């Protein structure tokens, strides 16, 4: 599902791997985004949202280009008001847990595709492309 005001977005990737916990997402979004795309492997869980409107707004303020979640988001109306792009599998009203679990800056595998920190992500209305280097558009 697509959310946020940006239909298309791109940038260097920063990775997080979590399960029903967004503690590392909050931590990372407290730093300057510098046009990066936050890619969060929530293991495809549809039981809890990983992020929502407040964190999407934080990502916008800190300068992130977008967020890609292998899992769910919540507060979609708030997310849609943000000047970033967001992609996720679905929505879920259940909030994430706070257990300080997960890993950041690690390779993640989503749908059989390995994604590494520092690679580039390009998203538009047709889908998502990951490249080992920046592409000229």
N, C-alpha and C. Protein backbone atom coordinates (compact mmCIF):
# COMPACT_ATOMS: atom_id res chain seq x y z
N UNK A 1 0.83 -1.17 0.00
CA UNK A 1 0.00 0.00 0.00
C UNK A 1 0.87 1.24 0.00
N UNK A 2 0.41 2.26 -0.67
CA UNK A 2 1.15 3.52 -0.77
C UNK A 2 0.52 4.53 0.18
N UNK A 3 1.37 5.30 0.85
CA UNK A 3 0.92 6.38 1.73
C UNK A 3 1.89 7.54 1.61
N UNK A 4 1.53 8.64 2.24
CA UNK A 4 2.36 9.83 2.19
C UNK A 4 2.08 10.61 0.92
N UNK A 5 2.51 11.86 0.91
CA UNK A 5 2.26 12.73 -0.24
C UNK A 5 3.18 12.47 -1.43
N UNK A 6 4.32 11.84 -1.20
CA UNK A 6 5.25 11.59 -2.31
C UNK A 6 4.90 10.27 -2.99
N UNK A 7 4.47 10.38 -4.22
CA UNK A 7 4.18 9.19 -5.02
C UNK A 7 5.48 8.46 -5.37
N UNK A 8 6.51 9.24 -5.66
CA UNK A 8 7.81 8.68 -6.02
C UNK A 8 8.86 9.23 -5.06
N UNK A 9 9.79 8.36 -4.66
CA UNK A 9 10.87 8.80 -3.79
C UNK A 9 12.08 7.89 -4.00
N UNK A 10 13.23 8.39 -3.61
CA UNK A 10 14.45 7.60 -3.75
C UNK A 10 15.49 8.10 -2.76
N UNK A 11 16.50 7.28 -2.56
CA UNK A 11 17.60 7.69 -1.70
C UNK A 11 18.41 6.50 -1.25
N UNK A 12 19.54 6.78 -0.58
CA UNK A 12 20.35 5.70 -0.03
C UNK A 12 19.59 5.02 1.11
N UNK A 13 19.80 3.73 1.25
CA UNK A 13 19.04 2.91 2.20
C UNK A 13 19.74 2.85 3.55
N UNK A 14 18.93 2.93 4.60
CA UNK A 14 19.35 2.58 5.95
C UNK A 14 18.42 1.47 6.41
N UNK A 15 18.96 0.40 7.00
CA UNK A 15 18.16 -0.80 7.29
C UNK A 15 17.95 -1.02 8.78
N UNK A 16 16.80 -1.62 9.08
CA UNK A 16 16.45 -2.05 10.43
C UNK A 16 15.71 -3.38 10.31
N UNK A 17 16.00 -4.30 11.23
CA UNK A 17 15.28 -5.58 11.30
C UNK A 17 14.67 -5.68 12.68
N UNK A 18 13.33 -5.80 12.73
CA UNK A 18 12.60 -5.86 14.00
C UNK A 18 11.44 -6.84 13.88
N UNK A 19 10.81 -7.13 15.02
CA UNK A 19 9.59 -7.92 15.01
C UNK A 19 8.63 -7.31 16.02
N UNK A 20 7.60 -6.66 15.51
CA UNK A 20 6.54 -6.02 16.30
C UNK A 20 7.05 -4.96 17.27
N UNK A 21 8.25 -4.44 17.05
CA UNK A 21 8.89 -3.48 17.95
C UNK A 21 9.40 -2.32 17.09
N UNK A 22 9.17 -1.08 17.53
CA UNK A 22 9.67 0.04 16.74
C UNK A 22 10.69 0.90 17.49
N UNK A 23 11.27 0.37 18.54
CA UNK A 23 12.24 1.14 19.33
C UNK A 23 13.39 1.64 18.46
N UNK A 24 13.93 0.80 17.59
CA UNK A 24 15.04 1.22 16.73
C UNK A 24 14.59 2.20 15.66
N UNK A 25 13.35 2.10 15.22
CA UNK A 25 12.81 3.07 14.26
C UNK A 25 12.79 4.45 14.90
N UNK A 26 12.28 4.53 16.11
CA UNK A 26 12.23 5.81 16.85
C UNK A 26 13.65 6.36 17.01
N UNK A 27 14.58 5.50 17.40
CA UNK A 27 15.97 5.91 17.60
C UNK A 27 16.58 6.46 16.31
N UNK A 28 16.38 5.77 15.22
CA UNK A 28 16.96 6.19 13.95
C UNK A 28 16.34 7.48 13.44
N UNK A 29 15.04 7.65 13.64
CA UNK A 29 14.36 8.86 13.16
C UNK A 29 14.66 10.08 14.01
N UNK A 30 15.44 9.92 15.05
CA UNK A 30 15.89 11.05 15.85
C UNK A 30 17.18 11.64 15.27
N UNK A 31 17.70 11.03 14.19
CA UNK A 31 18.91 11.52 13.54
C UNK A 31 18.55 12.13 12.19
N UNK A 32 19.43 12.93 11.65
CA UNK A 32 19.19 13.56 10.35
C UNK A 32 18.99 12.52 9.26
N UNK A 33 17.94 12.71 8.47
CA UNK A 33 17.61 11.76 7.41
C UNK A 33 18.44 11.90 6.17
N UNK A 34 18.83 13.13 5.81
CA UNK A 34 19.69 13.40 4.67
C UNK A 34 19.25 12.70 3.40
N UNK A 35 17.93 12.65 3.16
CA UNK A 35 17.41 12.07 1.92
C UNK A 35 17.38 10.56 1.89
N UNK A 36 17.70 9.92 3.00
CA UNK A 36 17.73 8.46 3.04
C UNK A 36 16.33 7.86 3.02
N UNK A 37 16.28 6.58 2.68
CA UNK A 37 15.06 5.79 2.75
C UNK A 37 15.25 4.75 3.85
N UNK A 38 14.38 4.77 4.83
CA UNK A 38 14.43 3.81 5.91
C UNK A 38 13.69 2.55 5.46
N UNK A 39 14.40 1.42 5.42
CA UNK A 39 13.80 0.14 5.04
C UNK A 39 13.77 -0.73 6.29
N UNK A 40 12.55 -1.07 6.72
CA UNK A 40 12.36 -1.81 7.97
C UNK A 40 11.80 -3.19 7.65
N UNK A 41 12.56 -4.21 8.01
CA UNK A 41 12.06 -5.58 7.88
C UNK A 41 11.34 -5.94 9.17
N UNK A 42 10.02 -5.86 9.13
CA UNK A 42 9.18 -6.26 10.25
C UNK A 42 8.73 -7.69 10.12
N UNK A 43 9.47 -8.47 9.33
CA UNK A 43 9.20 -9.89 9.09
C UNK A 43 7.81 -10.13 8.51
N UNK A 44 7.26 -9.12 7.86
CA UNK A 44 5.96 -9.27 7.21
C UNK A 44 4.79 -9.42 8.16
N UNK A 45 5.01 -9.14 9.43
CA UNK A 45 3.95 -9.33 10.42
C UNK A 45 2.78 -8.37 10.19
N UNK A 46 1.58 -8.93 10.23
CA UNK A 46 0.36 -8.13 10.10
C UNK A 46 -0.32 -7.95 11.45
N UNK A 47 0.36 -8.32 12.54
CA UNK A 47 -0.25 -8.28 13.88
C UNK A 47 -0.10 -6.94 14.59
N UNK A 48 0.93 -6.18 14.26
CA UNK A 48 1.17 -4.87 14.88
C UNK A 48 1.77 -3.93 13.85
N UNK A 49 1.45 -2.66 13.99
CA UNK A 49 2.04 -1.64 13.12
C UNK A 49 3.46 -1.35 13.59
N UNK A 50 4.33 -1.05 12.66
CA UNK A 50 5.70 -0.68 12.98
C UNK A 50 5.83 0.83 13.13
N UNK A 51 5.06 1.58 12.37
CA UNK A 51 5.12 3.03 12.43
C UNK A 51 3.75 3.62 12.13
N UNK A 52 3.62 4.91 12.32
CA UNK A 52 2.36 5.60 12.08
C UNK A 52 2.60 7.06 11.78
N UNK A 53 1.59 7.86 12.04
CA UNK A 53 1.63 9.27 11.68
C UNK A 53 2.70 10.08 12.38
N UNK A 54 2.91 9.85 13.67
CA UNK A 54 3.91 10.63 14.41
C UNK A 54 5.31 10.36 13.87
N UNK A 55 5.63 9.09 13.64
CA UNK A 55 6.97 8.76 13.14
C UNK A 55 7.14 9.17 11.68
N UNK A 56 6.08 9.12 10.89
CA UNK A 56 6.16 9.60 9.51
C UNK A 56 6.45 11.10 9.50
N UNK A 57 5.81 11.85 10.39
CA UNK A 57 6.06 13.29 10.48
C UNK A 57 7.48 13.54 10.94
N UNK A 58 7.97 12.75 11.88
CA UNK A 58 9.34 12.86 12.34
C UNK A 58 10.32 12.61 11.18
N UNK A 59 10.03 11.58 10.38
CA UNK A 59 10.87 11.28 9.22
C UNK A 59 10.89 12.46 8.25
N UNK A 60 9.74 13.07 8.04
CA UNK A 60 9.65 14.25 7.16
C UNK A 60 10.50 15.39 7.72
N UNK A 61 10.33 15.70 8.99
CA UNK A 61 11.06 16.81 9.62
C UNK A 61 12.57 16.57 9.60
N UNK A 62 12.97 15.33 9.80
CA UNK A 62 14.40 15.00 9.86
C UNK A 62 15.03 14.85 8.47
N UNK A 63 14.21 14.90 7.40
CA UNK A 63 14.75 14.91 6.05
C UNK A 63 14.85 13.57 5.36
N UNK A 64 14.09 12.58 5.81
CA UNK A 64 14.05 11.30 5.10
C UNK A 64 13.24 11.45 3.81
N UNK A 65 13.59 10.69 2.83
CA UNK A 65 12.85 10.68 1.57
C UNK A 65 11.63 9.77 1.65
N UNK A 66 11.79 8.64 2.37
CA UNK A 66 10.68 7.71 2.47
C UNK A 66 10.95 6.60 3.46
N UNK A 67 9.91 5.79 3.67
CA UNK A 67 9.99 4.64 4.56
C UNK A 67 9.35 3.46 3.84
N UNK A 68 10.01 2.32 3.89
CA UNK A 68 9.46 1.08 3.35
C UNK A 68 9.40 0.09 4.51
N UNK A 69 8.21 -0.46 4.75
CA UNK A 69 7.98 -1.36 5.87
C UNK A 69 7.55 -2.74 5.36
N UNK A 70 8.29 -3.76 5.71
CA UNK A 70 7.87 -5.13 5.47
C UNK A 70 7.00 -5.51 6.66
N UNK A 71 5.79 -4.97 6.67
CA UNK A 71 4.86 -5.10 7.77
C UNK A 71 3.77 -4.06 7.64
N UNK A 72 3.26 -3.59 8.76
CA UNK A 72 2.10 -2.69 8.77
C UNK A 72 2.43 -1.29 9.30
N UNK A 73 1.54 -0.36 8.95
CA UNK A 73 1.56 0.98 9.51
C UNK A 73 0.18 1.27 10.10
N UNK A 74 0.06 2.34 10.86
CA UNK A 74 -1.23 2.77 11.39
C UNK A 74 -1.33 4.28 11.26
N UNK A 75 -2.51 4.80 11.58
CA UNK A 75 -2.80 6.24 11.43
C UNK A 75 -2.49 6.72 10.01
N UNK A 76 -3.07 6.02 9.06
CA UNK A 76 -2.81 6.29 7.64
C UNK A 76 -3.19 7.71 7.23
N UNK A 77 -4.26 8.26 7.78
CA UNK A 77 -4.65 9.64 7.43
C UNK A 77 -3.54 10.61 7.81
N UNK A 78 -2.91 10.40 8.96
CA UNK A 78 -1.79 11.25 9.37
C UNK A 78 -0.59 11.03 8.45
N UNK A 79 -0.31 9.79 8.12
CA UNK A 79 0.80 9.48 7.21
C UNK A 79 0.58 10.16 5.86
N UNK A 80 -0.66 10.12 5.38
CA UNK A 80 -0.96 10.74 4.08
C UNK A 80 -0.77 12.24 4.07
N UNK A 81 -0.72 12.87 5.22
CA UNK A 81 -0.48 14.30 5.30
C UNK A 81 0.99 14.67 5.32
N UNK A 82 1.88 13.69 5.32
CA UNK A 82 3.32 13.94 5.40
C UNK A 82 3.96 14.02 4.02
N UNK A 83 4.98 14.86 3.92
CA UNK A 83 5.71 15.06 2.66
C UNK A 83 6.83 14.03 2.49
N UNK A 84 6.49 12.77 2.63
CA UNK A 84 7.42 11.68 2.36
C UNK A 84 6.63 10.59 1.64
N UNK A 85 7.31 9.57 1.19
CA UNK A 85 6.64 8.40 0.63
C UNK A 85 6.73 7.25 1.62
N UNK A 86 5.65 6.49 1.73
CA UNK A 86 5.63 5.34 2.63
C UNK A 86 5.03 4.15 1.89
N UNK A 87 5.68 3.00 2.01
CA UNK A 87 5.15 1.76 1.45
C UNK A 87 5.11 0.73 2.57
N UNK A 88 4.02 -0.01 2.64
CA UNK A 88 3.86 -1.07 3.64
C UNK A 88 2.91 -2.10 3.07
N UNK A 89 2.83 -3.27 3.72
CA UNK A 89 1.92 -4.32 3.27
C UNK A 89 0.47 -3.97 3.55
N UNK A 90 0.20 -3.39 4.73
CA UNK A 90 -1.18 -3.17 5.14
C UNK A 90 -1.22 -2.19 6.29
N UNK A 91 -2.43 -1.96 6.79
CA UNK A 91 -2.60 -1.17 8.00
C UNK A 91 -3.03 -2.08 9.14
N UNK A 92 -2.72 -1.65 10.34
CA UNK A 92 -3.12 -2.39 11.53
C UNK A 92 -3.22 -1.37 12.67
N UNK A 93 -4.32 -1.34 13.39
CA UNK A 93 -4.47 -0.36 14.46
C UNK A 93 -3.69 -0.68 15.73
N UNK A 94 -3.12 -1.86 15.83
CA UNK A 94 -2.43 -2.27 17.06
C UNK A 94 -1.04 -1.66 17.10
N UNK A 95 -0.72 -1.02 18.21
CA UNK A 95 0.57 -0.35 18.35
C UNK A 95 1.71 -1.34 18.50
N UNK A 96 2.93 -0.90 18.16
CA UNK A 96 4.08 -1.78 18.33
C UNK A 96 4.43 -1.94 19.80
N UNK A 97 5.23 -2.95 20.09
CA UNK A 97 5.74 -3.14 21.45
C UNK A 97 7.03 -2.36 21.60
N UNK A 98 7.46 -2.18 22.83
CA UNK A 98 8.72 -1.49 23.13
C UNK A 98 9.59 -2.44 23.93
N UNK A 99 10.32 -3.30 23.23
CA UNK A 99 11.14 -4.29 23.92
C UNK A 99 12.63 -4.13 23.63
N UNK A 100 12.98 -3.06 22.94
CA UNK A 100 14.38 -2.80 22.57
C UNK A 100 14.99 -3.94 21.76
N UNK A 101 14.14 -4.62 20.98
CA UNK A 101 14.62 -5.71 20.15
C UNK A 101 14.96 -5.25 18.75
N UNK A 102 15.72 -6.07 18.07
CA UNK A 102 16.02 -5.80 16.67
C UNK A 102 17.47 -5.45 16.43
N UNK A 103 17.74 -5.17 15.14
CA UNK A 103 19.09 -4.83 14.71
C UNK A 103 19.00 -3.71 13.70
N UNK A 104 19.99 -2.84 13.71
CA UNK A 104 20.04 -1.80 12.68
C UNK A 104 21.33 -1.91 11.90
N UNK A 105 21.28 -1.38 10.67
CA UNK A 105 22.44 -1.36 9.76
C UNK A 105 22.90 -2.77 9.39
N UNK A 106 21.95 -3.69 9.21
CA UNK A 106 22.26 -5.08 8.85
C UNK A 106 21.60 -5.41 7.51
N UNK A 107 22.15 -6.37 6.75
CA UNK A 107 21.47 -6.83 5.54
C UNK A 107 20.13 -7.45 5.92
N UNK A 108 19.11 -7.18 5.11
CA UNK A 108 17.79 -7.75 5.35
C UNK A 108 17.30 -8.40 4.06
N UNK A 109 16.40 -9.36 4.21
CA UNK A 109 15.85 -10.06 3.06
C UNK A 109 14.34 -9.88 3.07
N UNK A 110 13.85 -9.26 2.02
CA UNK A 110 12.40 -9.03 1.88
C UNK A 110 11.98 -9.64 0.56
N UNK A 111 11.09 -10.63 0.64
CA UNK A 111 10.59 -11.28 -0.57
C UNK A 111 11.67 -11.94 -1.41
N UNK A 112 12.72 -12.43 -0.76
CA UNK A 112 13.80 -13.09 -1.49
C UNK A 112 14.86 -12.14 -2.04
N UNK A 113 14.70 -10.85 -1.78
CA UNK A 113 15.67 -9.84 -2.25
C UNK A 113 16.50 -9.36 -1.07
N UNK A 114 17.81 -9.49 -1.18
CA UNK A 114 18.70 -8.98 -0.14
C UNK A 114 18.86 -7.48 -0.32
N UNK A 115 18.73 -6.75 0.76
CA UNK A 115 18.86 -5.29 0.76
C UNK A 115 19.93 -4.94 1.77
N UNK A 116 20.91 -4.15 1.32
CA UNK A 116 22.04 -3.77 2.16
C UNK A 116 22.05 -2.27 2.40
N UNK A 117 22.47 -1.92 3.58
CA UNK A 117 22.65 -0.51 3.92
C UNK A 117 23.56 0.14 2.88
N UNK A 118 23.20 1.35 2.46
CA UNK A 118 24.01 2.09 1.50
C UNK A 118 23.61 1.87 0.05
N UNK A 119 22.85 0.81 -0.24
CA UNK A 119 22.31 0.67 -1.59
C UNK A 119 21.27 1.76 -1.80
N UNK A 120 20.75 1.87 -3.01
CA UNK A 120 19.78 2.91 -3.34
C UNK A 120 18.42 2.29 -3.62
N UNK A 121 17.38 2.94 -3.12
CA UNK A 121 16.01 2.50 -3.34
C UNK A 121 15.29 3.56 -4.16
N UNK A 122 14.52 3.09 -5.15
CA UNK A 122 13.71 3.96 -5.99
C UNK A 122 12.29 3.42 -5.96
N UNK A 123 11.33 4.25 -5.60
CA UNK A 123 9.93 3.83 -5.52
C UNK A 123 9.06 4.79 -6.33
N UNK A 124 8.09 4.24 -7.05
CA UNK A 124 7.10 5.05 -7.74
C UNK A 124 5.79 4.27 -7.75
N UNK A 125 4.84 4.70 -8.54
CA UNK A 125 3.54 4.05 -8.59
C UNK A 125 3.57 2.63 -9.11
N UNK A 126 4.65 2.25 -9.80
CA UNK A 126 4.75 0.90 -10.35
C UNK A 126 5.44 -0.10 -9.44
N UNK A 127 6.19 0.38 -8.44
CA UNK A 127 6.87 -0.55 -7.56
C UNK A 127 8.14 0.03 -6.97
N UNK A 128 9.00 -0.87 -6.53
CA UNK A 128 10.24 -0.51 -5.86
C UNK A 128 11.40 -1.20 -6.55
N UNK A 129 12.48 -0.46 -6.75
CA UNK A 129 13.72 -0.99 -7.33
C UNK A 129 14.85 -0.72 -6.36
N UNK A 130 15.71 -1.69 -6.15
CA UNK A 130 16.89 -1.53 -5.30
C UNK A 130 18.11 -1.70 -6.19
N UNK A 131 19.06 -0.76 -6.06
CA UNK A 131 20.28 -0.79 -6.87
C UNK A 131 21.50 -0.72 -5.95
N UNK A 132 22.57 -1.35 -6.37
CA UNK A 132 23.81 -1.29 -5.58
C UNK A 132 24.47 0.07 -5.66
N UNK A 133 24.07 0.89 -6.63
CA UNK A 133 24.63 2.24 -6.76
C UNK A 133 23.56 3.22 -7.20
N UNK A 134 23.87 4.49 -7.06
CA UNK A 134 22.92 5.53 -7.47
C UNK A 134 22.75 5.50 -8.98
N UNK A 135 21.50 5.56 -9.43
CA UNK A 135 21.21 5.59 -10.85
C UNK A 135 20.97 7.02 -11.31
N UNK A 136 21.30 7.31 -12.54
CA UNK A 136 20.97 8.64 -13.08
C UNK A 136 19.58 8.57 -13.67
N UNK A 137 18.77 9.48 -13.23
CA UNK A 137 17.36 9.45 -13.66
C UNK A 137 17.08 10.63 -14.55
